[in-house]
Amino acid sequence: MGDRSPKSVQKQAAQKQSKTNSANSKKQQVANTQAAARTKAASSKKK
């Protein structure tokens, strides 16, 4: 069985949170890039 000390549990939780934050950040960057591309495409159509 693995180490279940409070320090170990806290470290694992912090790593999991960091991974989640990283994934969410990447998703947000993709969404922002797509939104910028749509905005640019829409503004070029108006001209």
C-alpha atoms as a PDB file:
ATOM      1  CA  MET A   1       0.000   0.000   0.000  1.00  0.00           C
ATOM      2  CA  GLY A   2       1.054   3.579  -0.560  1.00  0.00           C
ATOM      3  CA  ASP A   3       2.073   6.231   1.920  1.00  0.00           C
ATOM      4  CA  ARG A   4      -1.071   7.772   3.456  1.00  0.00           C
ATOM      5  CA  SER A   5       0.619  10.324   5.691  1.00  0.00           C
ATOM      6  CA  PRO A   6      -1.008  13.774   5.788  1.00  0.00           C
ATOM      7  CA  LYS A   7       1.980  15.293   3.996  1.00  0.00           C
ATOM      8  CA  SER A   8       1.739  12.716   1.209  1.00  0.00           C
ATOM      9  CA  VAL A   9      -2.001  13.196   0.812  1.00  0.00           C
ATOM     10  CA  GLN A  10      -1.560  16.984   0.677  1.00  0.00           C
ATOM     11  CA  LYS A  11       1.200  16.666  -1.924  1.00  0.00           C
ATOM     12  CA  GLN A  12      -0.934  14.428  -4.123  1.00  0.00           C
ATOM     13  CA  ALA A  13      -3.872  16.819  -3.847  1.00  0.00           C
ATOM     14  CA  ALA A  14      -1.651  19.746  -4.817  1.00  0.00           C
ATOM     15  CA  GLN A  15      -0.316  17.838  -7.831  1.00  0.00           C
ATOM     16  CA  LYS A  16      -3.824  16.921  -8.947  1.00  0.00           C
ATOM     17  CA  GLN A  17      -4.973  20.557  -8.589  1.00  0.00           C
ATOM     18  CA  SER A  18      -1.947  21.759 -10.547  1.00  0.00           C
ATOM     19  CA  LYS A  19      -2.690  19.300 -13.340  1.00  0.00           C
ATOM     20  CA  THR A  20      -6.334  20.402 -13.438  1.00  0.00           C
ATOM     21  CA  ASN A  21      -5.353  24.069 -13.533  1.00  0.00           C
ATOM     22  CA  SER A  22      -2.912  23.390 -16.353  1.00  0.00           C
ATOM     23  CA  ALA A  23      -5.559  21.576 -18.396  1.00  0.00           C
ATOM     24  CA  ASN A  24      -8.089  24.351 -17.821  1.00  0.00           C
ATOM     25  CA  SER A  25      -5.520  26.956 -18.822  1.00  0.00           C
ATOM     26  CA  LYS A  26      -4.826  25.139 -22.085  1.00  0.00           C
ATOM     27  CA  LYS A  27      -8.562  24.878 -22.820  1.00  0.00           C
ATOM     28  CA  GLN A  28      -8.958  28.600 -22.152  1.00  0.00           C
ATOM     29  CA  GLN A  29      -6.064  29.442 -24.493  1.00  0.00           C
ATOM     30  CA  VAL A  30      -7.637  27.366 -27.269  1.00  0.00           C
ATOM     31  CA  ALA A  31     -11.004  29.045 -26.721  1.00  0.00           C
ATOM     32  CA  ASN A  32      -9.399  32.496 -26.813  1.00  0.00           C
ATOM     33  CA  THR A  33      -7.527  31.657 -30.014  1.00  0.00           C
ATOM     34  CA  GLN A  34     -10.692  30.406 -31.676  1.00  0.00           C
ATOM     35  CA  ALA A  35     -12.650  33.461 -30.540  1.00  0.00           C
ATOM     36  CA  ALA A  36      -9.953  35.772 -31.903  1.00  0.00           C
ATOM     37  CA  ALA A  37      -9.999  33.942 -35.231  1.00  0.00           C
ATOM     38  CA  ARG A  38     -13.799  34.253 -35.455  1.00  0.00           C
ATOM     39  CA  THR A  39     -13.631  37.948 -34.592  1.00  0.00           C
ATOM     40  CA  LYS A  40     -10.948  38.548 -37.206  1.00  0.00           C
ATOM     41  CA  ALA A  41     -12.936  36.623 -39.832  1.00  0.00           C
ATOM     42  CA  ALA A  42     -16.107  38.541 -38.992  1.00  0.00           C
ATOM     43  CA  SER A  43     -14.366  41.910 -39.183  1.00  0.00           C
ATOM     44  CA  SER A  44     -12.800  41.071 -42.548  1.00  0.00           C
ATOM     45  CA  LYS A  45     -16.239  40.138 -43.926  1.00  0.00           C
ATOM     46  CA  LYS A  46     -17.652  43.529 -42.911  1.00  0.00           C
ATOM     47  CA  LYS A  47     -15.093  45.409 -45.019  1.00  0.00           C
END
